[in-house]
Amino acid sequence: MTATATPTTGRSRRERIGTPRSTVSLQESYERCRELNKAYGTTYYWAAQVLPRVVRHHVHALYGFCRYADDIVDDLGPVPVDVRAEALASFGDRFFRDLEAGDSNDPVLKAVVHTVRAFDLDASYFERFLRSMTMDLTVDHYRTWDDLLAYMDGSAAVIGEMMLPILGPEDVDATRPHAMDLGNAFQLTNFIRDVGEDLERGRVYLPLEDLERFGADPWERRVTPEWIAAIRFQVDRCDELYRSADVGVSMLPPESAVAIRTARILYSEILDQVVANGYDVFTKRARVSSSRKLTVAARHLGGGSVRRLADRRRG
């Protein structure tokens, strides 16, 4: 499951994301991206609410792009791989054509194109992301941590790179490796939490080499001493990535740092919940409650913020 992935049910991808039409306003497109972020990426969404309004919608746009691609990979229903691959390639071709043209009539991509051009984001970021999404169509496991990192470069680390121009650190180059580590930390947190769900898709994202070292077999779907040791190892690895990310957060302007710190706190609490669940990622899903997300975001906004965030939540 990708860094942005959250299980979706009910409506079809066409309903959830929308279809191109002859006219769509930029405001409508940004609103569609915001709706996607709020519906399917709540941790990111509430962290983004801490950002200044002038840049918040750009974060929603990047999420909308990732959600769009991820839905093609995972949420088209019982569609053959070649059809998914064609759909993903078509989506990428459409995006890069629209990016070159400087505009789009797609309900999601119009905002994405605007954000990319507003911050002069490198098109290669999106090529890397789509390359990893394509890997998800045929690759169902990764032998080593380095193998997994190659996948995460496009599915997670690059998201941190995309965000940097929006967050505005004084020294982008110095902040970049820490931003990439934060993206990887978020992704690895997802992989730990979602072992059971990924098994249902026939995938194992935790490095097989690590699992074998501890004698753990996820396909058994049992919490054994070996399994606990293997997950503890991954949690420790994730904590190391978060520590690197904290260095990067300290390099951000205060108004950006509070938002990223909010996301970092909430995501790391998913790991706390995994531990509290006895490392059972097969029958229990580690969750951070909506009220907790609201509380953490409000705390970083300061006085009077709980009411403001509650109003945004209803909006």
Protein backbone atom coordinates (compact mmCIF):
# COMPACT_ATOMS: atom_id res chain seq x y z
CA MET A 1 0.00 0.00 0.00
CA THR A 2 1.41 3.42 -0.90
CA ALA A 3 2.15 6.29 1.34
CA THR A 4 -1.16 7.88 0.58
CA ALA A 5 -3.25 4.78 0.53
CA THR A 6 -6.31 4.41 2.71
CA PRO A 7 -8.80 1.62 2.03
CA THR A 8 -11.80 2.90 0.10
CA THR A 9 -15.21 1.38 -0.19
CA GLY A 10 -18.58 2.09 -1.72
CA ARG A 11 -18.31 4.57 -4.53
CA SER A 12 -16.45 3.78 -7.73
CA ARG A 13 -13.23 5.55 -8.64
CA ARG A 14 -15.19 7.58 -11.21
CA GLU A 15 -17.51 8.89 -8.49
CA ARG A 16 -14.78 9.51 -5.94
CA ILE A 17 -12.39 11.35 -8.22
CA GLY A 18 -14.51 12.67 -11.04
CA THR A 19 -14.26 12.70 -14.80
CA PRO A 20 -12.89 15.35 -17.14
CA ARG A 21 -15.40 17.87 -18.37
CA SER A 22 -15.22 20.80 -20.72
CA THR A 23 -15.00 23.44 -18.01
CA VAL A 24 -13.82 23.23 -14.41
CA SER A 25 -12.75 26.22 -12.36
CA LEU A 26 -9.49 26.29 -10.46
CA GLN A 27 -11.41 26.81 -7.23
CA GLU A 28 -13.57 23.74 -7.94
CA SER A 29 -10.48 21.66 -8.66
CA TYR A 30 -8.75 22.65 -5.44
CA GLU A 31 -11.95 21.92 -3.56
CA ARG A 32 -12.10 18.45 -5.11
CA CYS A 33 -8.54 17.78 -3.98
CA ARG A 34 -9.42 19.00 -0.49
CA GLU A 35 -12.40 16.65 -0.39
CA LEU A 36 -10.20 13.71 -1.39
CA ASN A 37 -7.65 14.61 1.27
CA LYS A 38 -10.31 14.95 3.96
CA ALA A 39 -12.04 11.70 2.99
CA TYR A 40 -9.05 9.41 2.50
CA GLY A 41 -6.01 10.95 4.18
CA THR A 42 -7.24 12.33 7.46
CA THR A 43 -3.87 12.51 9.21
CA TYR A 44 -2.40 14.55 6.37
CA TYR A 45 -5.57 16.58 6.14
CA TRP A 46 -5.62 17.73 9.76
CA ALA A 47 -1.90 18.42 9.73
CA ALA A 48 -2.42 20.58 6.64
CA GLN A 49 -5.05 22.62 8.49
CA VAL A 50 -2.23 24.01 10.61
CA LEU A 51 -0.55 25.49 7.52
CA PRO A 52 -1.25 29.05 6.43
CA ARG A 53 -4.29 29.26 4.17
CA VAL A 54 -2.18 30.64 1.33
CA VAL A 55 -0.36 27.29 0.87
CA ARG A 56 -2.79 24.77 2.37
CA HIS A 57 -4.63 24.14 -0.89
CA HIS A 58 -1.38 23.26 -2.65
CA VAL A 59 -0.85 20.39 -0.19
CA HIS A 60 -4.37 19.18 -0.98
CA ALA A 61 -3.52 19.25 -4.69
CA LEU A 62 -0.46 17.04 -4.25
CA TYR A 63 -2.51 14.62 -2.19
CA GLY A 64 -5.17 14.60 -4.92
CA PHE A 65 -2.58 13.60 -7.52
CA CYS A 66 -1.29 10.74 -5.38
CA ARG A 67 -4.80 9.58 -4.49
CA TYR A 68 -5.81 9.59 -8.15
CA ALA A 69 -2.91 7.33 -9.17
CA ASP A 70 -3.28 5.09 -6.13
CA ASP A 71 -6.95 4.47 -6.90
CA ILE A 72 -6.02 3.27 -10.38
CA VAL A 73 -3.61 0.75 -8.88
CA ASP A 74 -5.71 -0.54 -6.00
CA ASP A 75 -9.36 0.44 -6.29
CA LEU A 76 -10.62 -0.33 -9.77
CA GLY A 77 -12.19 -3.58 -8.62
CA PRO A 78 -11.55 -6.92 -10.40
CA VAL A 79 -9.75 -5.35 -13.36
CA PRO A 80 -6.85 -7.17 -15.08
CA VAL A 81 -3.34 -5.86 -14.51
CA ASP A 82 -2.89 -4.84 -18.14
CA VAL A 83 -6.01 -2.68 -17.96
CA ARG A 84 -4.75 -1.03 -14.77
CA ALA A 85 -1.36 -0.48 -16.38
CA GLU A 86 -2.99 1.13 -19.39
CA ALA A 87 -5.14 3.35 -17.16
CA LEU A 88 -2.13 4.43 -15.09
CA ALA A 89 -0.08 5.16 -18.21
CA SER A 90 -2.98 7.13 -19.68
CA PHE A 91 -3.28 9.12 -16.46
CA GLY A 92 0.43 9.92 -16.53
CA ASP A 93 0.35 10.90 -20.20
CA ARG A 94 -2.63 13.15 -19.56
CA PHE A 95 -0.93 14.82 -16.62
CA PHE A 96 2.31 15.55 -18.47
CA ARG A 97 0.43 16.85 -21.51
CA ASP A 98 -1.61 19.15 -19.30
CA LEU A 99 1.51 20.22 -17.42
CA GLU A 100 3.21 21.17 -20.67
CA ALA A 101 0.09 23.03 -21.78
CA GLY A 102 -0.12 24.81 -18.43
CA ASP A 103 -3.74 23.91 -17.71
CA SER A 104 -6.17 21.01 -17.43
CA ASN A 105 -9.92 20.45 -17.51
CA ASP A 106 -9.63 17.40 -15.24
CA PRO A 107 -11.36 18.03 -11.87
CA VAL A 108 -8.19 17.01 -9.98
CA LEU A 109 -5.34 17.72 -12.38
CA LYS A 110 -6.25 21.36 -12.94
CA ALA A 111 -5.23 22.16 -9.35
CA VAL A 112 -2.19 19.88 -9.56
CA VAL A 113 -0.89 21.59 -12.70
CA HIS A 114 -1.44 24.99 -11.09
CA THR A 115 0.50 23.94 -7.98
CA VAL A 116 3.37 22.46 -9.98
CA ARG A 117 3.76 25.63 -12.00
CA ALA A 118 3.29 27.93 -9.00
CA PHE A 119 6.25 26.33 -7.21
CA ASP A 120 8.22 25.24 -10.27
CA LEU A 121 8.17 21.63 -9.06
CA ASP A 122 10.41 19.29 -11.02
CA ALA A 123 8.38 17.05 -13.35
CA SER A 124 10.77 14.21 -12.52
CA TYR A 125 9.19 14.02 -9.06
CA PHE A 126 5.96 12.87 -10.67
CA GLU A 127 7.77 10.50 -13.02
CA ARG A 128 9.37 8.83 -9.99
CA PHE A 129 6.02 8.59 -8.22
CA LEU A 130 4.29 7.02 -11.21
CA ARG A 131 7.17 4.60 -11.69
CA SER A 132 6.60 3.23 -8.18
CA MET A 133 2.85 3.06 -8.74
CA THR A 134 3.58 0.97 -11.84
CA MET A 135 5.72 -1.36 -9.74
CA ASP A 136 2.70 -2.01 -7.52
CA LEU A 137 0.95 -3.59 -10.49
CA THR A 138 3.39 -6.49 -10.74
CA VAL A 139 5.77 -6.51 -7.76
CA ASP A 140 4.32 -8.17 -4.66
CA HIS A 141 7.39 -8.35 -2.39
CA TYR A 142 10.83 -6.85 -1.79
CA ARG A 143 13.81 -8.97 -0.87
CA THR A 144 15.94 -6.43 0.99
CA TRP A 145 15.61 -3.05 2.64
CA ASP A 146 17.55 -1.52 -0.25
CA ASP A 147 15.07 -3.07 -2.68
CA LEU A 148 12.21 -1.55 -0.71
CA LEU A 149 13.94 1.82 -0.57
CA ALA A 150 14.12 1.82 -4.37
CA TYR A 151 10.32 1.51 -4.43
CA MET A 152 9.86 4.04 -1.62
CA ASP A 153 11.98 6.58 -3.46
CA GLY A 154 9.02 7.18 -5.75
CA SER A 155 6.16 6.31 -3.44
CA ALA A 156 7.27 8.16 -0.30
CA ALA A 157 10.63 9.95 -0.30
CA VAL A 158 9.71 11.97 -3.35
CA ILE A 159 6.58 13.25 -1.59
CA GLY A 160 8.86 14.92 0.94
CA GLU A 161 10.79 16.50 -1.92
CA MET A 162 7.59 17.74 -3.56
CA MET A 163 6.52 19.40 -0.33
CA LEU A 164 9.72 21.33 0.35
CA PRO A 165 9.13 24.30 -1.99
CA ILE A 166 5.67 24.70 -0.45
CA LEU A 167 7.01 24.50 3.11
CA GLY A 168 9.74 27.03 2.34
CA PRO A 169 12.93 26.07 4.24
CA GLU A 170 15.79 28.52 3.87
CA ASP A 171 18.19 25.77 2.76
CA VAL A 172 16.26 23.31 0.59
CA ASP A 173 19.27 21.13 -0.18
CA ALA A 174 20.15 20.66 3.50
CA THR A 175 16.54 19.89 4.40
CA ARG A 176 15.91 17.47 1.51
CA PRO A 177 17.39 14.22 2.96
CA HIS A 178 15.42 14.70 6.17
CA ALA A 179 12.22 15.39 4.23
CA MET A 180 12.82 12.19 2.28
CA ASP A 181 13.35 10.31 5.55
CA LEU A 182 10.03 11.63 6.83
CA GLY A 183 8.28 10.37 3.70
CA ASN A 184 9.90 6.98 4.20
CA ALA A 185 8.96 6.98 7.89
CA PHE A 186 5.31 7.62 7.03
CA GLN A 187 5.38 4.87 4.42
CA LEU A 188 7.07 2.32 6.66
CA THR A 189 4.53 3.14 9.37
CA ASN A 190 1.80 2.32 6.86
CA PHE A 191 3.52 -0.91 5.88
CA ILE A 192 3.71 -2.02 9.51
CA ARG A 193 0.10 -1.10 10.23
CA ASP A 194 -1.30 -2.56 6.99
CA VAL A 195 0.37 -5.98 6.88
CA GLY A 196 -2.99 -7.77 7.06
CA GLU A 197 -4.64 -5.61 4.40
CA ASP A 198 -1.67 -5.91 2.06
CA LEU A 199 -1.75 -9.70 2.42
CA GLU A 200 -5.30 -9.59 1.08
CA ARG A 201 -3.87 -7.96 -2.04
CA GLY A 202 -1.16 -10.61 -2.24
CA ARG A 203 1.59 -8.21 -1.18
CA VAL A 204 4.24 -8.16 1.52
CA TYR A 205 6.04 -4.85 1.84
CA LEU A 206 8.26 -5.65 4.82
CA PRO A 207 11.64 -6.87 3.51
CA LEU A 208 11.65 -10.65 3.26
CA GLU A 209 15.28 -10.75 4.34
CA ASP A 210 14.33 -9.14 7.67
CA LEU A 211 11.37 -11.44 8.22
CA GLU A 212 13.48 -14.51 7.54
CA ARG A 213 16.18 -13.31 9.92
CA PHE A 214 13.65 -13.49 12.76
CA GLY A 215 11.88 -16.59 11.47
CA ALA A 216 8.62 -14.66 10.95
CA ASP A 217 6.08 -15.60 8.30
CA PRO A 218 3.31 -13.03 7.68
CA TRP A 219 1.29 -15.54 5.67
CA GLU A 220 0.69 -17.50 8.86
CA ARG A 221 -1.19 -14.45 10.18
CA ARG A 222 -0.15 -15.32 13.74
CA VAL A 223 1.41 -13.14 16.42
CA THR A 224 4.33 -15.30 17.50
CA PRO A 225 7.49 -14.33 19.42
CA GLU A 226 9.27 -14.36 16.05
CA TRP A 227 6.68 -12.01 14.56
CA ILE A 228 6.93 -9.62 17.50
CA ALA A 229 10.72 -9.50 17.16
CA ALA A 230 10.45 -8.80 13.42
CA ILE A 231 7.97 -5.95 13.89
CA ARG A 232 9.98 -4.47 16.75
CA PHE A 233 12.93 -4.33 14.35
CA GLN A 234 10.86 -2.41 11.80
CA VAL A 235 9.47 -0.07 14.46
CA ASP A 236 13.04 0.71 15.58
CA ARG A 237 14.00 1.39 11.96
CA CYS A 238 11.01 3.69 11.64
CA ASP A 239 11.94 5.55 14.83
CA GLU A 240 15.39 6.17 13.37
CA LEU A 241 13.81 7.71 10.27
CA TYR A 242 11.59 9.90 12.44
CA ARG A 243 14.64 11.14 14.36
CA SER A 244 16.23 12.22 11.09
CA ALA A 245 12.97 13.85 10.07
CA ASP A 246 12.95 15.86 13.30
CA VAL A 247 16.21 17.48 12.21
CA GLY A 248 14.52 18.57 9.00
CA VAL A 249 11.48 19.91 10.82
CA SER A 250 13.74 22.18 12.84
CA MET A 251 14.95 23.70 9.54
CA LEU A 252 11.45 24.74 8.44
CA PRO A 253 9.84 28.14 8.99
CA PRO A 254 7.72 28.07 12.18
CA GLU A 255 4.40 28.12 10.32
CA SER A 256 5.43 25.06 8.29
CA ALA A 257 7.19 23.27 11.12
CA VAL A 258 4.06 23.11 13.27
CA ALA A 259 2.11 21.38 10.50
CA ILE A 260 4.78 18.80 9.74
CA ARG A 261 5.37 18.21 13.44
CA THR A 262 1.64 17.54 13.81
CA ALA A 263 1.74 14.90 11.06
CA ARG A 264 4.89 13.38 12.52
CA ILE A 265 3.34 13.09 16.00
CA LEU A 266 0.12 11.56 14.72
CA TYR A 267 1.84 9.06 12.44
CA SER A 268 4.28 7.92 15.10
CA GLU A 269 1.31 7.32 17.39
CA ILE A 270 0.15 4.69 14.90
CA LEU A 271 3.27 2.75 15.86
CA ASP A 272 2.41 3.23 19.53
CA GLN A 273 -0.97 1.69 18.81
CA VAL A 274 0.62 -1.26 17.00
CA VAL A 275 2.63 -1.94 20.15
CA ALA A 276 -0.46 -1.46 22.34
CA ASN A 277 -2.26 -4.03 20.14
CA GLY A 278 0.44 -6.58 20.96
CA TYR A 279 1.88 -6.33 17.42
CA ASP A 280 -1.31 -7.85 16.03
CA VAL A 281 -1.56 -6.28 12.58
CA PHE A 282 -3.65 -9.16 11.26
CA THR A 283 -6.92 -8.79 13.16
CA LYS A 284 -6.55 -5.27 14.57
CA ARG A 285 -5.98 -2.00 12.76
CA ALA A 286 -3.90 0.57 14.61
CA ARG A 287 -5.81 3.84 14.57
CA VAL A 288 -5.43 7.34 15.89
CA SER A 289 -8.88 8.69 16.65
CA SER A 290 -10.31 11.73 14.90
CA SER A 291 -10.62 13.49 18.24
CA ARG A 292 -6.92 12.88 18.90
CA LYS A 293 -6.00 14.28 15.47
CA LEU A 294 -8.11 17.35 16.15
CA THR A 295 -6.57 17.82 19.59
CA VAL A 296 -2.97 17.57 18.35
CA ALA A 297 -3.62 19.92 15.44
CA ALA A 298 -5.38 22.39 17.73
CA ARG A 299 -2.54 22.29 20.25
CA HIS A 300 -0.10 23.38 17.58
CA LEU A 301 -2.36 26.18 16.44
CA GLY A 302 -2.56 27.71 19.89
CA GLY A 303 -5.35 29.43 21.75
CA GLY A 304 -8.85 29.32 20.30
CA SER A 305 -7.83 26.80 17.69
CA VAL A 306 -10.05 23.93 18.79
CA ARG A 307 -13.15 25.85 17.78
CA ARG A 308 -11.59 26.90 14.48
CA LEU A 309 -10.55 23.36 13.62
CA ALA A 310 -13.94 22.01 14.63
CA ASP A 311 -15.54 24.47 12.24
CA ARG A 312 -13.21 23.29 9.45
CA ARG A 313 -14.07 19.70 10.29
CA ARG A 314 -17.76 20.39 9.69
CA GLY A 315 -16.93 22.28 6.49
